[in-house]
Amino acid sequence: MKFGLFIPQGWRYDLVGIEPAKHWQVMSDLVRYADQTPSWESVWVYDHFHTTPEPSHEATHEAWSLMAGFAGITSRVRLGQMCTCMSYREPTYLAKVAATIDHISGGRIEMGIGGGWYEHEWRAYGYGFPSAGERLGRLREGVEIFQQMWSTGSATLDGKYYQADGALCFPQPLQTTSAANRIPIWVAGGGPKVTLKIAAQYADYTNYFGDPEEFAAKTEILRGHCRDIGRDFDEITLTGNTNVIIADNAAELDEKLGAVSARMIQGGMSPDRATAHVERSLRDQPTVGTAEQVVEALRAMRDAGLGYAIAYFPDAAYDRTTIERFEREIMPEIDR
């Protein structure tokens, strides 16, 4: 199994208490650390503009600006976003941005892409909030534009949502995949009727999670879509994101979850809402618990077909102890 590392960028209240002028130092130090640690295949950020689960005045650094910054300070680790919202940027423009950063990085960009979901953010930035059908329609057309621009250097599409008339992309990305000369595409989401169909057609990687039974069920749907269009299912790597907290006992876990809640409260959330969010989004996650429980959970996902896990550590900006323990006690055990 390969592993990616989420870099704290503020979106999940994970830079609270750190002076904004020091944010880049915190992020860049962690990126350099991952670049120098061979067990990490990639580093990732989220493509969001406002904090979650509710907007605040706390920092949320923009994903593609960070991609360019990370590209300039690393030499090995791959660089991704989980996931870029198609409708936040015209796909012709985004394809060009990604190709440029691919050159800055020496060919290490991953394109995580999805339909988008954070309604408050959409409306605040003047994007409206179209139906799920339209958002996914934009995703499909945008990925088609990516594929054309990256594989041929030009895109022409008279779509329902996007139009391109000979949009040029030179130089083309440095990377070559089995499908074409283009940046690898990660289609995020597990919607069975639309998203997984888009993934079957275009994705080098999928990104969805859940318990092993749910993950396996989605994977079978994806396999069926691949069969329907004549795509080799084995060309696609199955990936998922997971929140990681390692604690030796219940009291230590309570302490660590309490620290996450405290940062959210410091960032302006009410205590009740912060506590409820942490309980809902972290405590019952499969990779929150003892080291043995985390290993067991990841092995179960591996057995269900997961080939690549991207780990989020809530305390990454403040303390690397959990990251280092994950490297030491978890990673070596997964494939045994």
Protein backbone atom coordinates (compact mmCIF):
# COMPACT_ATOMS: atom_id res chain seq x y z
CA MET A 1 0.00 0.00 0.00
CA LYS A 2 1.21 3.51 -0.81
CA PHE A 3 0.70 6.44 1.57
CA GLY A 4 0.07 10.14 1.10
CA LEU A 5 0.16 12.86 3.75
CA PHE A 6 -2.29 15.77 4.09
CA ILE A 7 -0.55 19.05 4.85
CA PRO A 8 -2.41 21.34 7.30
CA GLN A 9 -3.56 24.44 5.39
CA GLY A 10 -6.17 25.74 7.83
CA TRP A 11 -9.32 24.33 6.25
CA ARG A 12 -10.00 22.02 9.19
CA TYR A 13 -9.02 24.57 11.86
CA ASP A 14 -5.59 22.96 11.83
CA LEU A 15 -3.45 26.13 11.91
CA VAL A 16 -5.34 27.82 14.77
CA GLY A 17 -3.05 29.57 17.23
CA ILE A 18 -0.19 29.88 14.75
CA GLU A 19 0.56 33.38 13.49
CA PRO A 20 -0.44 33.71 9.81
CA ALA A 21 3.05 34.95 8.96
CA LYS A 22 4.37 31.59 10.14
CA HIS A 23 1.90 29.39 8.26
CA TRP A 24 4.09 28.92 5.20
CA GLN A 25 7.02 27.91 7.38
CA VAL A 26 4.89 25.30 9.15
CA MET A 27 3.53 23.91 5.89
CA SER A 28 6.81 23.99 3.99
CA ASP A 29 8.73 22.34 6.84
CA LEU A 30 6.26 19.47 6.85
CA VAL A 31 6.37 19.15 3.06
CA ARG A 32 10.17 19.02 3.13
CA TYR A 33 9.99 16.40 5.87
CA ALA A 34 7.71 14.22 3.69
CA ASP A 35 9.98 14.78 0.70
CA GLN A 36 12.91 13.43 2.70
CA THR A 37 10.97 10.46 4.11
CA PRO A 38 10.67 7.75 1.43
CA SER A 39 7.67 6.10 3.08
CA TRP A 40 5.51 9.04 1.98
CA GLU A 41 4.58 8.81 -1.69
CA SER A 42 2.76 12.13 -1.88
CA VAL A 43 1.55 15.26 -0.05
CA TRP A 44 -1.95 16.68 -0.39
CA VAL A 45 -4.08 19.73 0.37
CA TYR A 46 -7.81 20.40 0.13
CA ASP A 47 -9.32 22.69 -2.49
CA HIS A 48 -11.43 24.92 -0.27
CA PHE A 49 -11.67 28.62 0.53
CA HIS A 50 -13.53 28.62 3.89
CA THR A 51 -12.99 26.56 7.03
CA THR A 52 -15.19 23.57 7.76
CA PRO A 53 -17.56 22.59 9.34
CA GLU A 54 -18.45 26.28 9.36
CA PRO A 55 -16.88 29.38 7.80
CA SER A 56 -14.67 31.51 10.02
CA HIS A 57 -11.93 34.12 9.89
CA GLU A 58 -9.32 31.41 10.41
CA ALA A 59 -6.89 30.78 7.56
CA THR A 60 -7.64 28.55 4.57
CA HIS A 61 -4.77 28.68 2.09
CA GLU A 62 -5.57 28.17 -1.61
CA ALA A 63 -4.69 24.77 -3.04
CA TRP A 64 -3.11 25.51 -6.42
CA SER A 65 -0.97 28.34 -5.06
CA LEU A 66 0.33 25.81 -2.54
CA MET A 67 0.98 23.33 -5.36
CA ALA A 68 3.34 25.81 -7.02
CA GLY A 69 5.05 26.56 -3.70
CA PHE A 70 5.46 22.89 -2.81
CA ALA A 71 6.79 22.14 -6.30
CA GLY A 72 9.60 24.63 -5.83
CA ILE A 73 10.85 23.25 -2.51
CA THR A 74 10.71 19.49 -3.13
CA SER A 75 12.39 17.03 -5.45
CA ARG A 76 10.76 13.62 -4.91
CA VAL A 77 7.34 13.59 -3.28
CA ARG A 78 4.27 13.82 -5.51
CA LEU A 79 1.83 16.72 -5.13
CA GLY A 80 -1.95 16.51 -5.12
CA GLN A 81 -5.24 18.15 -4.16
CA MET A 82 -8.16 16.21 -2.71
CA CYS A 83 -9.96 17.33 -4.47
CA THR A 84 -10.01 20.25 -6.90
CA CYS A 85 -13.57 21.49 -7.49
CA MET A 86 -14.12 21.58 -11.25
CA SER A 87 -16.44 24.56 -11.21
CA TYR A 88 -14.15 26.84 -9.21
CA ARG A 89 -11.89 27.40 -12.25
CA GLU A 90 -12.47 27.09 -15.99
CA PRO A 91 -11.07 23.69 -17.01
CA THR A 92 -9.05 25.15 -19.89
CA TYR A 93 -7.35 27.51 -17.46
CA LEU A 94 -6.89 24.82 -14.81
CA ALA A 95 -5.36 22.42 -17.32
CA LYS A 96 -2.79 25.09 -18.18
CA VAL A 97 -2.06 25.85 -14.51
CA ALA A 98 -1.54 22.17 -13.75
CA ALA A 99 0.74 21.68 -16.77
CA THR A 100 2.89 24.64 -15.69
CA ILE A 101 3.21 23.36 -12.12
CA ASP A 102 3.99 19.91 -13.50
CA HIS A 103 7.04 21.47 -15.13
CA ILE A 104 8.01 23.36 -11.97
CA SER A 105 7.85 20.09 -10.05
CA GLY A 106 9.69 18.03 -12.63
CA GLY A 107 6.59 15.97 -13.42
CA ARG A 108 5.11 15.26 -9.98
CA ILE A 109 1.58 16.72 -10.11
CA GLU A 110 -1.54 14.62 -9.43
CA MET A 111 -4.93 16.03 -10.47
CA GLY A 112 -7.55 15.25 -7.85
CA ILE A 113 -10.89 16.39 -9.26
CA GLY A 114 -14.53 16.30 -8.18
CA GLY A 115 -17.90 17.96 -8.55
CA GLY A 116 -17.78 20.02 -5.34
CA TRP A 117 -20.16 20.17 -2.39
CA TYR A 118 -19.51 23.05 0.08
CA GLU A 119 -22.56 25.22 -0.63
CA HIS A 120 -21.66 28.20 1.56
CA GLU A 121 -18.31 28.50 -0.17
CA TRP A 122 -19.85 28.29 -3.65
CA ARG A 123 -22.37 31.03 -2.95
CA ALA A 124 -19.91 33.27 -1.13
CA TYR A 125 -17.60 33.27 -4.15
CA GLY A 126 -20.43 33.99 -6.59
CA TYR A 127 -20.55 30.55 -8.20
CA GLY A 128 -24.18 29.92 -7.30
CA PHE A 129 -24.85 26.35 -6.29
CA PRO A 130 -26.12 24.31 -9.24
CA SER A 131 -27.77 20.94 -8.88
CA ALA A 132 -25.72 17.82 -8.31
CA GLY A 133 -26.51 16.80 -11.88
CA GLU A 134 -25.02 19.99 -13.26
CA ARG A 135 -21.98 19.83 -11.00
CA LEU A 136 -21.27 16.30 -12.17
CA GLY A 137 -21.94 17.28 -15.78
CA ARG A 138 -19.31 19.98 -15.42
CA LEU A 139 -16.97 17.39 -13.96
CA ARG A 140 -17.37 15.09 -16.95
CA GLU A 141 -16.88 17.84 -19.52
CA GLY A 142 -13.96 19.37 -17.66
CA VAL A 143 -12.11 16.06 -17.44
CA GLU A 144 -12.61 15.61 -21.18
CA ILE A 145 -10.97 19.01 -21.72
CA PHE A 146 -8.07 18.02 -19.44
CA GLN A 147 -7.54 14.81 -21.35
CA GLN A 148 -7.50 16.58 -24.71
CA MET A 149 -5.21 19.42 -23.62
CA TRP A 150 -2.72 17.17 -21.84
CA SER A 151 -2.57 14.40 -24.44
CA THR A 152 -2.71 16.44 -27.68
CA GLY A 153 -1.85 19.99 -26.61
CA SER A 154 -5.24 21.35 -27.70
CA ALA A 155 -8.90 21.03 -26.69
CA THR A 156 -12.11 21.65 -28.61
CA LEU A 157 -15.46 20.95 -27.00
CA ASP A 158 -18.94 22.30 -27.57
CA GLY A 159 -20.41 21.04 -24.32
CA LYS A 160 -23.50 21.84 -22.34
CA TYR A 161 -21.46 23.61 -19.66
CA TYR A 162 -18.04 24.31 -21.17
CA GLN A 163 -16.86 25.38 -24.56
CA ALA A 164 -13.30 25.26 -25.88
CA ASP A 165 -12.21 26.14 -29.39
CA GLY A 166 -8.63 25.06 -29.93
CA ALA A 167 -7.44 25.91 -26.39
CA LEU A 168 -3.69 25.31 -26.41
CA CYS A 169 -1.56 23.75 -23.69
CA PHE A 170 2.12 24.07 -24.53
CA PRO A 171 4.36 22.88 -23.17
CA GLN A 172 2.41 19.75 -22.42
CA PRO A 173 2.85 18.09 -19.03
CA LEU A 174 6.09 16.23 -18.46
CA GLN A 175 4.34 13.08 -17.30
CA THR A 176 3.44 10.04 -19.31
CA THR A 177 0.85 7.55 -18.10
CA SER A 178 -0.27 4.30 -19.68
CA ALA A 179 -3.23 6.10 -21.23
CA ALA A 180 -1.65 9.24 -22.68
CA ASN A 181 0.88 12.00 -22.15
CA ARG A 182 -0.91 13.69 -19.27
CA ILE A 183 -1.12 14.31 -15.56
CA PRO A 184 -2.71 11.39 -13.63
CA ILE A 185 -6.39 12.03 -12.91
CA TRP A 186 -7.94 11.15 -9.55
CA VAL A 187 -11.76 11.18 -9.70
CA ALA A 188 -13.01 11.72 -6.15
CA GLY A 189 -16.35 10.45 -4.91
CA GLY A 190 -18.23 7.17 -4.85
CA GLY A 191 -21.59 8.07 -6.39
CA PRO A 192 -22.62 4.87 -8.17
CA LYS A 193 -24.63 6.25 -11.08
CA VAL A 194 -22.51 9.17 -12.27
CA THR A 195 -19.20 9.68 -10.44
CA LEU A 196 -18.05 6.08 -10.73
CA LYS A 197 -19.02 6.08 -14.41
CA ILE A 198 -16.82 9.13 -14.94
CA ALA A 199 -14.06 7.37 -13.01
CA ALA A 200 -14.39 4.24 -15.15
CA GLN A 201 -13.91 6.32 -18.29
CA TYR A 202 -11.21 8.77 -17.23
CA ALA A 203 -9.60 7.97 -13.88
CA ASP A 204 -6.12 6.67 -13.21
CA TYR A 205 -7.10 6.70 -9.53
CA THR A 206 -10.42 6.72 -7.70
CA ASN A 207 -10.90 8.17 -4.22
CA TYR A 208 -13.65 6.94 -1.91
CA PHE A 209 -13.70 5.29 1.50
CA GLY A 210 -16.10 3.73 3.98
CA ASP A 211 -16.02 0.47 5.90
CA PRO A 212 -14.61 -2.54 4.02
CA GLU A 213 -18.07 -3.77 2.98
CA GLU A 214 -19.13 -0.38 1.63
CA PHE A 215 -15.78 0.08 -0.10
CA ALA A 216 -16.01 -3.34 -1.71
CA ALA A 217 -19.56 -2.66 -2.91
CA LYS A 218 -18.52 0.60 -4.59
CA THR A 219 -15.56 -1.16 -6.12
CA GLU A 220 -17.82 -3.78 -7.69
CA ILE A 221 -19.95 -1.01 -9.20
CA LEU A 222 -16.81 0.59 -10.62
CA ARG A 223 -15.71 -2.77 -11.99
CA GLY A 224 -19.07 -3.12 -13.72
CA HIS A 225 -18.82 0.33 -15.30
CA CYS A 226 -15.34 -0.54 -16.58
CA ARG A 227 -16.68 -3.76 -18.06
CA ASP A 228 -19.51 -1.89 -19.77
CA ILE A 229 -17.14 0.46 -21.61
CA GLY A 230 -14.36 -2.06 -22.22
CA ARG A 231 -11.89 -0.50 -19.76
CA ASP A 232 -9.37 -2.67 -17.93
CA PHE A 233 -10.35 -2.29 -14.27
CA ASP A 234 -6.79 -3.05 -13.18
CA GLU A 235 -5.60 0.19 -14.81
CA ILE A 236 -7.27 2.08 -11.94
CA THR A 237 -5.70 2.37 -8.47
CA LEU A 238 -8.22 2.52 -5.62
CA THR A 239 -7.47 5.16 -3.00
CA GLY A 240 -9.11 6.61 0.10
CA ASN A 241 -8.60 9.35 2.69
CA THR A 242 -8.46 8.54 6.38
CA ASN A 243 -8.19 10.51 9.63
CA VAL A 244 -5.49 9.18 11.96
CA ILE A 245 -5.19 9.55 15.72
CA ILE A 246 -3.12 7.00 17.66
CA ALA A 247 -3.66 6.65 21.40
CA ASP A 248 -2.61 3.93 23.82
CA ASN A 249 -5.80 4.07 25.88
CA ALA A 250 -9.21 5.72 26.14
CA ALA A 251 -8.00 8.55 28.36
CA GLU A 252 -5.26 9.51 25.91
CA LEU A 253 -7.74 9.41 23.03
CA ASP A 254 -10.11 11.71 24.95
CA GLU A 255 -7.22 14.10 25.51
CA LYS A 256 -6.29 14.18 21.84
CA LEU A 257 -9.86 14.65 20.67
CA GLY A 258 -10.27 17.38 23.26
CA ALA A 259 -7.28 19.21 21.81
CA VAL A 260 -8.91 19.20 18.36
CA SER A 261 -12.14 20.58 19.86
CA ALA A 262 -10.20 23.25 21.74
CA ARG A 263 -8.61 24.53 18.54
CA MET A 264 -12.02 24.78 16.88
CA ILE A 265 -13.38 26.67 19.87
CA GLN A 266 -10.38 29.00 19.77
CA GLY A 267 -11.17 29.53 16.10
CA GLY A 268 -14.67 30.72 16.93
CA MET A 269 -16.89 27.64 17.02
CA SER A 270 -19.26 27.10 19.91
CA PRO A 271 -18.12 24.43 22.38
CA ASP A 272 -21.17 22.27 21.73
CA ARG A 273 -20.75 22.38 17.96
CA ALA A 274 -17.00 21.78 18.12
CA THR A 275 -17.40 18.79 20.42
CA ALA A 276 -20.22 17.32 18.34
CA HIS A 277 -18.23 17.70 15.13
CA VAL A 278 -15.15 16.01 16.58
CA GLU A 279 -17.20 13.17 17.99
CA ARG A 280 -18.96 12.63 14.66
CA SER A 281 -16.00 13.06 12.31
CA LEU A 282 -13.13 11.56 14.31
CA ARG A 283 -13.92 9.34 17.28
CA ASP A 284 -15.54 6.50 15.35
CA GLN A 285 -13.20 6.61 12.36
CA PRO A 286 -11.53 3.25 11.65
CA THR A 287 -8.01 4.69 11.95
CA VAL A 288 -8.63 6.42 15.28
CA GLY A 289 -7.56 4.26 18.21
CA THR A 290 -4.62 2.16 19.30
CA ALA A 291 -1.79 1.33 16.92
CA GLU A 292 -3.12 -2.22 16.70
CA GLN A 293 -6.60 -1.00 15.77
CA VAL A 294 -5.21 1.31 13.08
CA VAL A 295 -3.18 -1.54 11.56
CA GLU A 296 -6.21 -3.83 11.61
CA ALA A 297 -8.39 -1.21 9.91
CA LEU A 298 -5.90 -0.51 7.14
CA ARG A 299 -5.29 -4.21 6.55
CA ALA A 300 -9.04 -4.73 6.18
CA MET A 301 -9.20 -1.93 3.63
CA ARG A 302 -6.18 -3.35 1.80
CA ASP A 303 -7.95 -6.71 1.61
CA ALA A 304 -11.00 -4.92 0.17
CA GLY A 305 -8.84 -3.50 -2.62
CA LEU A 306 -7.46 -0.22 -1.27
CA GLY A 307 -4.05 0.41 -2.80
CA TYR A 308 -3.28 3.94 -1.61
CA ALA A 309 -4.25 5.67 1.66
CA ILE A 310 -3.96 9.42 2.23
CA ALA A 311 -3.63 10.15 5.94
CA TYR A 312 -4.81 13.27 7.74
CA PHE A 313 -3.29 13.95 11.17
CA PRO A 314 -5.20 16.67 13.09
CA ASP A 315 -2.12 17.63 15.11
CA ALA A 316 0.37 17.74 12.20
CA ALA A 317 1.03 21.49 12.44
CA TYR A 318 1.84 21.28 16.13
CA ASP A 319 3.58 17.96 16.73
CA ARG A 320 4.96 15.25 14.42
CA THR A 321 4.86 12.53 17.06
CA THR A 322 1.78 10.83 15.59
CA ILE A 323 3.16 11.02 12.05
CA GLU A 324 6.46 9.49 13.16
CA ARG A 325 4.66 6.79 15.11
CA PHE A 326 2.53 6.00 12.05
CA GLU A 327 5.71 5.61 10.00
CA ARG A 328 7.32 3.42 12.64
CA GLU A 329 4.46 1.26 13.90
CA ILE A 330 1.77 1.27 11.21
CA MET A 331 3.30 1.41 7.74
CA PRO A 332 5.63 -1.60 8.10
CA GLU A 333 2.77 -3.77 9.38
CA ILE A 334 0.21 -3.20 6.62
CA ASP A 335 1.62 -5.54 4.00
CA ARG A 336 2.72 -8.27 6.39
